[in-house]
C-alpha atoms as a PDB file:
ATOM      1  CA  UNK A   1    -160.728 -60.117 202.728  1.00  0.00           C
ATOM      2  CA  UNK A   2    -157.506 -58.527 202.998  1.00  0.00           C
ATOM      3  CA  UNK A   3    -157.330 -55.220 204.230  1.00  0.00           C
ATOM      4  CA  UNK A   4    -155.872 -52.626 202.249  1.00  0.00           C
ATOM      5  CA  UNK A   5    -152.834 -50.681 203.074  1.00  0.00           C
ATOM      6  CA  UNK A   6    -153.110 -47.261 203.795  1.00  0.00           C
ATOM      7  CA  UNK A   7    -150.059 -45.792 205.234  1.00  0.00           C
ATOM      8  CA  UNK A   8    -147.827 -42.792 203.441  1.00  0.00           C
ATOM      9  CA  UNK A   9    -144.292 -44.123 201.909  1.00  0.00           C
ATOM     10  CA  UNK A  10    -141.194 -42.408 201.205  1.00  0.00           C
ATOM     11  CA  UNK A  11    -140.218 -41.691 197.735  1.00  0.00           C
ATOM     12  CA  UNK A  12    -138.591 -43.955 195.420  1.00  0.00           C
ATOM     13  CA  UNK A  13    -140.097 -47.118 197.154  1.00  0.00           C
ATOM     14  CA  UNK A  14    -141.284 -49.904 194.839  1.00  0.00           C
ATOM     15  CA  UNK A  15    -145.073 -51.553 194.826  1.00  0.00           C
ATOM     16  CA  UNK A  16    -144.968 -54.783 196.147  1.00  0.00           C
ATOM     17  CA  UNK A  17    -146.827 -57.944 194.837  1.00  0.00           C
ATOM     18  CA  UNK A  18    -149.927 -59.006 196.904  1.00  0.00           C
ATOM     19  CA  UNK A  19    -150.301 -62.248 195.594  1.00  0.00           C
ATOM     20  CA  UNK A  20    -149.399 -63.738 198.869  1.00  0.00           C
ATOM     21  CA  UNK A  21    -151.275 -61.426 201.078  1.00  0.00           C
ATOM     22  CA  UNK A  22    -153.848 -63.297 203.548  1.00  0.00           C
ATOM     23  CA  UNK A  23    -156.940 -62.263 205.084  1.00  0.00           C
ATOM     24  CA  UNK A  24    -154.989 -59.885 207.769  1.00  0.00           C
ATOM     25  CA  UNK A  25    -153.346 -56.998 206.261  1.00  0.00           C
ATOM     26  CA  UNK A  26    -151.872 -56.079 202.791  1.00  0.00           C
ATOM     27  CA  UNK A  27    -149.122 -53.705 201.811  1.00  0.00           C
ATOM     28  CA  UNK A  28    -148.774 -52.747 198.511  1.00  0.00           C
ATOM     29  CA  UNK A  29    -145.266 -50.815 198.449  1.00  0.00           C
ATOM     30  CA  UNK A  30    -141.922 -51.349 200.069  1.00  0.00           C
ATOM     31  CA  UNK A  31    -141.281 -48.986 203.155  1.00  0.00           C
ATOM     32  CA  UNK A  32    -138.009 -47.458 204.379  1.00  0.00           C
ATOM     33  CA  UNK A  33    -136.896 -44.434 206.068  1.00  0.00           C
ATOM     34  CA  UNK A  34    -139.411 -41.680 205.948  1.00  0.00           C
ATOM     35  CA  UNK A  35    -142.072 -44.015 205.194  1.00  0.00           C
ATOM     36  CA  UNK A  36    -145.119 -43.516 208.045  1.00  0.00           C
ATOM     37  CA  UNK A  37    -148.457 -44.319 208.811  1.00  0.00           C
ATOM     38  CA  UNK A  38    -150.620 -47.542 209.169  1.00  0.00           C
ATOM     39  CA  UNK A  39    -148.391 -49.241 206.852  1.00  0.00           C
ATOM     40  CA  UNK A  40    -145.247 -48.691 209.235  1.00  0.00           C
ATOM     41  CA  UNK A  41    -147.085 -49.580 212.568  1.00  0.00           C
ATOM     42  CA  UNK A  42    -148.581 -52.728 211.337  1.00  0.00           C
ATOM     43  CA  UNK A  43    -144.995 -53.819 209.933  1.00  0.00           C
ATOM     44  CA  UNK A  44    -143.647 -52.653 213.620  1.00  0.00           C
ATOM     45  CA  UNK A  45    -145.821 -55.026 215.354  1.00  0.00           C
ATOM     46  CA  UNK A  46    -144.744 -57.862 213.641  1.00  0.00           C
ATOM     47  CA  UNK A  47    -141.204 -56.974 214.008  1.00  0.00           C
ATOM     48  CA  UNK A  48    -141.340 -56.385 217.751  1.00  0.00           C
ATOM     49  CA  UNK A  49    -139.302 -59.141 218.643  1.00  0.00           C
ATOM     50  CA  UNK A  50    -136.380 -57.863 216.723  1.00  0.00           C
ATOM     51  CA  UNK A  51    -135.057 -55.045 218.317  1.00  0.00           C
ATOM     52  CA  UNK A  52    -131.857 -54.195 219.924  1.00  0.00           C
ATOM     53  CA  UNK A  53    -131.138 -56.288 222.850  1.00  0.00           C
ATOM     54  CA  UNK A  54    -132.788 -54.725 225.939  1.00  0.00           C
ATOM     55  CA  UNK A  55    -134.797 -52.099 224.011  1.00  0.00           C
ATOM     56  CA  UNK A  56    -138.169 -52.228 222.705  1.00  0.00           C
ATOM     57  CA  UNK A  57    -139.158 -51.246 219.181  1.00  0.00           C
ATOM     58  CA  UNK A  58    -141.903 -48.297 218.995  1.00  0.00           C
ATOM     59  CA  UNK A  59    -145.107 -49.054 217.592  1.00  0.00           C
ATOM     60  CA  UNK A  60    -145.501 -45.262 216.575  1.00  0.00           C
ATOM     61  CA  UNK A  61    -145.740 -45.599 212.573  1.00  0.00           C
ATOM     62  CA  UNK A  62    -142.582 -43.725 211.781  1.00  0.00           C
ATOM     63  CA  UNK A  63    -139.946 -45.799 210.057  1.00  0.00           C
ATOM     64  CA  UNK A  64    -136.938 -44.235 211.331  1.00  0.00           C
ATOM     65  CA  UNK A  65    -133.207 -45.968 212.518  1.00  0.00           C
ATOM     66  CA  UNK A  66    -134.660 -48.309 215.023  1.00  0.00           C
ATOM     67  CA  UNK A  67    -137.215 -50.010 212.776  1.00  0.00           C
ATOM     68  CA  UNK A  68    -134.684 -50.018 209.794  1.00  0.00           C
ATOM     69  CA  UNK A  69    -132.549 -51.998 212.003  1.00  0.00           C
ATOM     70  CA  UNK A  70    -135.262 -54.158 213.644  1.00  0.00           C
ATOM     71  CA  UNK A  71    -135.959 -54.694 209.554  1.00  0.00           C
ATOM     72  CA  UNK A  72    -132.153 -56.100 209.159  1.00  0.00           C
ATOM     73  CA  UNK A  73    -132.242 -58.199 212.024  1.00  0.00           C
ATOM     74  CA  UNK A  74    -135.607 -59.935 211.031  1.00  0.00           C
ATOM     75  CA  UNK A  75    -133.947 -60.116 207.386  1.00  0.00           C
ATOM     76  CA  UNK A  76    -130.964 -61.925 208.747  1.00  0.00           C
ATOM     77  CA  UNK A  77    -132.604 -64.136 210.965  1.00  0.00           C
ATOM     78  CA  UNK A  78    -134.806 -65.554 207.997  1.00  0.00           C
ATOM     79  CA  UNK A  79    -131.824 -65.557 205.197  1.00  0.00           C
ATOM     80  CA  UNK A  80    -133.011 -62.646 203.398  1.00  0.00           C
ATOM     81  CA  UNK A  81    -130.925 -59.663 201.911  1.00  0.00           C
ATOM     82  CA  UNK A  82    -130.351 -57.286 204.658  1.00  0.00           C
ATOM     83  CA  UNK A  83    -131.448 -54.217 203.059  1.00  0.00           C
ATOM     84  CA  UNK A  84    -133.176 -52.309 205.589  1.00  0.00           C
ATOM     85  CA  UNK A  85    -135.901 -51.956 203.716  1.00  0.00           C
ATOM     86  CA  UNK A  86    -139.674 -54.126 204.100  1.00  0.00           C
ATOM     87  CA  UNK A  87    -139.511 -55.413 200.654  1.00  0.00           C
ATOM     88  CA  UNK A  88    -141.102 -58.217 198.740  1.00  0.00           C
ATOM     89  CA  UNK A  89    -139.170 -60.805 200.276  1.00  0.00           C
ATOM     90  CA  UNK A  90    -139.682 -59.443 203.853  1.00  0.00           C
ATOM     91  CA  UNK A  91    -143.549 -58.953 203.121  1.00  0.00           C
ATOM     92  CA  UNK A  92    -143.826 -62.671 201.541  1.00  0.00           C
ATOM     93  CA  UNK A  93    -141.777 -64.011 204.992  1.00  0.00           C
ATOM     94  CA  UNK A  94    -144.432 -62.107 207.107  1.00  0.00           C
ATOM     95  CA  UNK A  95    -147.285 -63.347 205.167  1.00  0.00           C
ATOM     96  CA  UNK A  96    -146.019 -66.994 205.239  1.00  0.00           C
ATOM     97  CA  UNK A  97    -145.647 -66.640 209.524  1.00  0.00           C
ATOM     98  CA  UNK A  98    -149.162 -65.143 209.761  1.00  0.00           C
ATOM     99  CA  UNK A  99    -152.470 -66.541 209.917  1.00  0.00           C
ATOM    100  CA  UNK A 100    -155.742 -64.394 208.778  1.00  0.00           C
ATOM    101  CA  UNK A 101    -156.727 -63.336 211.951  1.00  0.00           C
ATOM    102  CA  UNK A 102    -152.812 -61.487 212.381  1.00  0.00           C
ATOM    103  CA  UNK A 103    -151.371 -64.112 214.731  1.00  0.00           C
ATOM    104  CA  UNK A 104    -148.313 -65.409 214.184  1.00  0.00           C
ATOM    105  CA  UNK A 105    -148.285 -69.308 212.932  1.00  0.00           C
ATOM    106  CA  UNK A 106    -147.146 -70.422 216.312  1.00  0.00           C
ATOM    107  CA  UNK A 107    -149.405 -69.003 218.823  1.00  0.00           C
ATOM    108  CA  UNK A 108    -153.393 -68.284 218.939  1.00  0.00           C
ATOM    109  CA  UNK A 109    -155.305 -66.017 220.661  1.00  0.00           C
ATOM    110  CA  UNK A 110    -157.307 -68.775 222.518  1.00  0.00           C
ATOM    111  CA  UNK A 111    -154.160 -69.929 224.214  1.00  0.00           C
ATOM    112  CA  UNK A 112    -153.419 -66.463 225.393  1.00  0.00           C
ATOM    113  CA  UNK A 113    -157.274 -65.975 226.859  1.00  0.00           C
ATOM    114  CA  UNK A 114    -158.311 -68.717 228.929  1.00  0.00           C
ATOM    115  CA  UNK A 115    -160.040 -66.599 231.383  1.00  0.00           C
ATOM    116  CA  UNK A 116    -162.755 -64.073 229.699  1.00  0.00           C
ATOM    117  CA  UNK A 117    -163.401 -64.995 225.872  1.00  0.00           C
ATOM    118  CA  UNK A 118    -164.130 -61.469 225.082  1.00  0.00           C
ATOM    119  CA  UNK A 119    -161.143 -59.915 226.663  1.00  0.00           C
ATOM    120  CA  UNK A 120    -162.993 -57.614 228.650  1.00  0.00           C
ATOM    121  CA  UNK A 121    -162.779 -57.192 232.718  1.00  0.00           C
ATOM    122  CA  UNK A 122    -159.022 -56.098 232.757  1.00  0.00           C
ATOM    123  CA  UNK A 123    -157.408 -53.117 233.377  1.00  0.00           C
ATOM    124  CA  UNK A 124    -157.962 -51.732 230.050  1.00  0.00           C
ATOM    125  CA  UNK A 125    -160.396 -52.228 227.152  1.00  0.00           C
ATOM    126  CA  UNK A 126    -161.033 -55.668 225.619  1.00  0.00           C
ATOM    127  CA  UNK A 127    -159.794 -54.108 222.420  1.00  0.00           C
ATOM    128  CA  UNK A 128    -156.633 -52.709 223.956  1.00  0.00           C
ATOM    129  CA  UNK A 129    -156.226 -56.174 225.793  1.00  0.00           C
ATOM    130  CA  UNK A 130    -156.229 -58.137 222.604  1.00  0.00           C
ATOM    131  CA  UNK A 131    -153.960 -55.692 220.693  1.00  0.00           C
ATOM    132  CA  UNK A 132    -151.372 -55.975 223.411  1.00  0.00           C
ATOM    133  CA  UNK A 133    -151.418 -59.968 223.456  1.00  0.00           C
ATOM    134  CA  UNK A 134    -150.769 -59.814 219.860  1.00  0.00           C
ATOM    135  CA  UNK A 135    -147.594 -57.757 220.250  1.00  0.00           C
ATOM    136  CA  UNK A 136    -146.705 -60.181 222.747  1.00  0.00           C
ATOM    137  CA  UNK A 137    -147.440 -62.838 220.404  1.00  0.00           C
ATOM    138  CA  UNK A 138    -144.967 -61.386 217.660  1.00  0.00           C
ATOM    139  CA  UNK A 139    -142.218 -61.103 220.139  1.00  0.00           C
ATOM    140  CA  UNK A 140    -142.543 -64.653 221.048  1.00  0.00           C
ATOM    141  CA  UNK A 141    -142.429 -65.844 217.506  1.00  0.00           C
ATOM    142  CA  UNK A 142    -139.379 -64.322 217.097  1.00  0.00           C
ATOM    143  CA  UNK A 143    -138.016 -65.342 220.485  1.00  0.00           C
ATOM    144  CA  UNK A 144    -139.110 -69.106 219.119  1.00  0.00           C
ATOM    145  CA  UNK A 145    -137.487 -68.955 215.905  1.00  0.00           C
ATOM    146  CA  UNK A 146    -133.953 -67.889 217.648  1.00  0.00           C
ATOM    147  CA  UNK A 147    -134.296 -70.739 220.114  1.00  0.00           C
ATOM    148  CA  UNK A 148    -134.062 -73.019 217.182  1.00  0.00           C
ATOM    149  CA  UNK A 149    -138.152 -72.916 216.239  1.00  0.00           C
ATOM    150  CA  UNK A 150    -138.673 -75.196 219.315  1.00  0.00           C
ATOM    151  CA  UNK A 151    -142.297 -74.925 220.618  1.00  0.00           C
ATOM    152  CA  UNK A 152    -142.821 -72.333 223.720  1.00  0.00           C
ATOM    153  CA  UNK A 153    -145.253 -73.343 226.031  1.00  0.00           C
ATOM    154  CA  UNK A 154    -147.715 -70.706 227.125  1.00  0.00           C
ATOM    155  CA  UNK A 155    -149.328 -71.570 230.627  1.00  0.00           C
ATOM    156  CA  UNK A 156    -151.300 -68.429 231.035  1.00  0.00           C
ATOM    157  CA  UNK A 157    -151.752 -65.018 229.591  1.00  0.00           C
ATOM    158  CA  UNK A 158    -154.628 -62.349 229.565  1.00  0.00           C
ATOM    159  CA  UNK A 159    -156.808 -61.829 232.717  1.00  0.00           C
ATOM    160  CA  UNK A 160    -159.671 -60.408 234.044  1.00  0.00           C
ATOM    161  CA  UNK A 161    -159.634 -58.523 237.169  1.00  0.00           C
ATOM    162  CA  UNK A 162    -161.687 -61.541 238.758  1.00  0.00           C
ATOM    163  CA  UNK A 163    -159.526 -64.207 237.329  1.00  0.00           C
ATOM    164  CA  UNK A 164    -156.602 -62.230 238.662  1.00  0.00           C
ATOM    165  CA  UNK A 165    -157.981 -62.113 242.193  1.00  0.00           C
ATOM    166  CA  UNK A 166    -158.758 -65.671 242.004  1.00  0.00           C
ATOM    167  CA  UNK A 167    -155.123 -66.648 241.320  1.00  0.00           C
ATOM    168  CA  UNK A 168    -153.724 -64.388 243.797  1.00  0.00           C
ATOM    169  CA  UNK A 169    -152.229 -62.155 241.069  1.00  0.00           C
ATOM    170  CA  UNK A 170    -150.476 -58.533 241.855  1.00  0.00           C
ATOM    171  CA  UNK A 171    -152.939 -55.837 241.942  1.00  0.00           C
ATOM    172  CA  UNK A 172    -150.861 -54.423 238.853  1.00  0.00           C
ATOM    173  CA  UNK A 173    -150.040 -57.464 237.157  1.00  0.00           C
ATOM    174  CA  UNK A 174    -149.468 -57.002 233.330  1.00  0.00           C
ATOM    175  CA  UNK A 175    -151.966 -60.079 232.662  1.00  0.00           C
ATOM    176  CA  UNK A 176    -154.733 -57.657 233.296  1.00  0.00           C
ATOM    177  CA  UNK A 177    -153.628 -55.272 230.151  1.00  0.00           C
ATOM    178  CA  UNK A 178    -153.117 -58.516 228.012  1.00  0.00           C
ATOM    179  CA  UNK A 179    -149.162 -58.225 227.425  1.00  0.00           C
ATOM    180  CA  UNK A 180    -148.189 -60.374 230.218  1.00  0.00           C
ATOM    181  CA  UNK A 181    -147.287 -64.201 229.525  1.00  0.00           C
ATOM    182  CA  UNK A 182    -146.085 -67.207 232.060  1.00  0.00           C
ATOM    183  CA  UNK A 183    -144.155 -69.652 229.744  1.00  0.00           C
ATOM    184  CA  UNK A 184    -143.872 -73.365 230.907  1.00  0.00           C
ATOM    185  CA  UNK A 185    -140.155 -75.011 230.391  1.00  0.00           C
ATOM    186  CA  UNK A 186    -141.181 -76.955 227.500  1.00  0.00           C
ATOM    187  CA  UNK A 187    -138.434 -77.889 225.224  1.00  0.00           C
ATOM    188  CA  UNK A 188    -136.372 -75.055 227.006  1.00  0.00           C
ATOM    189  CA  UNK A 189    -135.541 -74.537 230.556  1.00  0.00           C
ATOM    190  CA  UNK A 190    -136.993 -71.446 232.461  1.00  0.00           C
ATOM    191  CA  UNK A 191    -133.416 -69.668 232.472  1.00  0.00           C
ATOM    192  CA  UNK A 192    -133.016 -70.319 228.781  1.00  0.00           C
ATOM    193  CA  UNK A 193    -136.501 -68.462 228.133  1.00  0.00           C
ATOM    194  CA  UNK A 194    -135.645 -65.659 230.582  1.00  0.00           C
ATOM    195  CA  UNK A 195    -132.034 -65.125 229.001  1.00  0.00           C
ATOM    196  CA  UNK A 196    -133.537 -64.949 225.590  1.00  0.00           C
ATOM    197  CA  UNK A 197    -136.438 -62.611 226.285  1.00  0.00           C
ATOM    198  CA  UNK A 198    -133.785 -59.984 226.583  1.00  0.00           C
ATOM    199  CA  UNK A 199    -133.207 -60.068 222.774  1.00  0.00           C
ATOM    200  CA  UNK A 200    -137.256 -59.674 221.961  1.00  0.00           C
ATOM    201  CA  UNK A 201    -138.578 -56.678 223.569  1.00  0.00           C
ATOM    202  CA  UNK A 202    -139.995 -57.733 226.768  1.00  0.00           C
ATOM    203  CA  UNK A 203    -139.315 -54.764 229.320  1.00  0.00           C
ATOM    204  CA  UNK A 204    -140.666 -57.121 232.277  1.00  0.00           C
ATOM    205  CA  UNK A 205    -139.067 -60.323 232.828  1.00  0.00           C
ATOM    206  CA  UNK A 206    -139.084 -62.316 235.649  1.00  0.00           C
ATOM    207  CA  UNK A 207    -137.891 -65.948 236.619  1.00  0.00           C
ATOM    208  CA  UNK A 208    -136.325 -68.210 238.571  1.00  0.00           C
ATOM    209  CA  UNK A 209    -134.745 -66.671 241.781  1.00  0.00           C
ATOM    210  CA  UNK A 210    -137.869 -63.996 241.615  1.00  0.00           C
ATOM    211  CA  UNK A 211    -140.348 -64.722 244.252  1.00  0.00           C
ATOM    212  CA  UNK A 212    -143.128 -66.792 243.062  1.00  0.00           C
ATOM    213  CA  UNK A 213    -141.419 -67.634 239.691  1.00  0.00           C
ATOM    214  CA  UNK A 214    -139.035 -70.617 240.135  1.00  0.00           C
ATOM    215  CA  UNK A 215    -141.955 -72.840 238.530  1.00  0.00           C
ATOM    216  CA  UNK A 216    -142.279 -70.651 235.068  1.00  0.00           C
ATOM    217  CA  UNK A 217    -140.974 -67.673 233.339  1.00  0.00           C
ATOM    218  CA  UNK A 218    -143.205 -64.499 232.886  1.00  0.00           C
ATOM    219  CA  UNK A 219    -142.382 -61.962 230.196  1.00  0.00           C
ATOM    220  CA  UNK A 220    -144.323 -58.585 229.483  1.00  0.00           C
ATOM    221  CA  UNK A 221    -144.301 -55.027 228.229  1.00  0.00           C
ATOM    222  CA  UNK A 222    -144.268 -51.901 230.775  1.00  0.00           C
ATOM    223  CA  UNK A 223    -143.045 -48.681 230.459  1.00  0.00           C
ATOM    224  CA  UNK A 224    -139.914 -48.871 232.772  1.00  0.00           C
ATOM    225  CA  UNK A 225    -137.638 -52.103 232.553  1.00  0.00           C
ATOM    226  CA  UNK A 226    -137.773 -54.525 235.600  1.00  0.00           C
ATOM    227  CA  UNK A 227    -135.768 -57.996 234.802  1.00  0.00           C
ATOM    228  CA  UNK A 228    -135.276 -60.063 237.741  1.00  0.00           C
ATOM    229  CA  UNK A 229    -134.578 -64.098 237.423  1.00  0.00           C
ATOM    230  CA  UNK A 230    -131.486 -64.028 239.813  1.00  0.00           C
ATOM    231  CA  UNK A 231    -131.139 -67.587 239.516  1.00  0.00           C
ATOM    232  CA  UNK A 232    -130.403 -67.190 235.953  1.00  0.00           C
ATOM    233  CA  UNK A 233    -127.948 -64.438 236.418  1.00  0.00           C
ATOM    234  CA  UNK A 234    -130.579 -61.481 235.501  1.00  0.00           C
END
């Protein structure tokens, strides 16, 4: 059964229909500047791939200028009216892109975890690792759309400490936190992926020219920005 929304909204925002809602999360009102609460937080997760270039959209439950701008970019990406409000058309598109387990249509929890099926054993709790992976999925969904909706190949993501040690991963690898993702070339080059990732909320981008990354592009979230793919001009 779909979860009902609980966030408070600013005045003068219209109710929205829930007829297209799925089993993950349901919004029942528009959201705009001044809105706050879980409704906004859930929206921010799904729009994490639409910040300003080089920036990261906070998931803080507060609808301010950065969230409004992300809504506009999402709306523009899908040919919707760029109102800056999360309105009926915006939610309908999110429902269309979203599966019942909250993952975006083109990525799954299984492909983000081939190490420890219960998401335990990393640097954070299993719940936090899984939540971090979900945020990365939505960023990659936006990135995929920006690259012509061509498939993005995921070669590896979450690792437990044991899995990380087994592959010689860095002791502080973002894979241990659930948000690190290694991308294969697929229909895009490693440099294409690294360059595009700059626009979709990844503070960590490692690619060709960075030690150990000539055969993949790595994206992740971290508190401080670190981009290095010298072969690609980053």
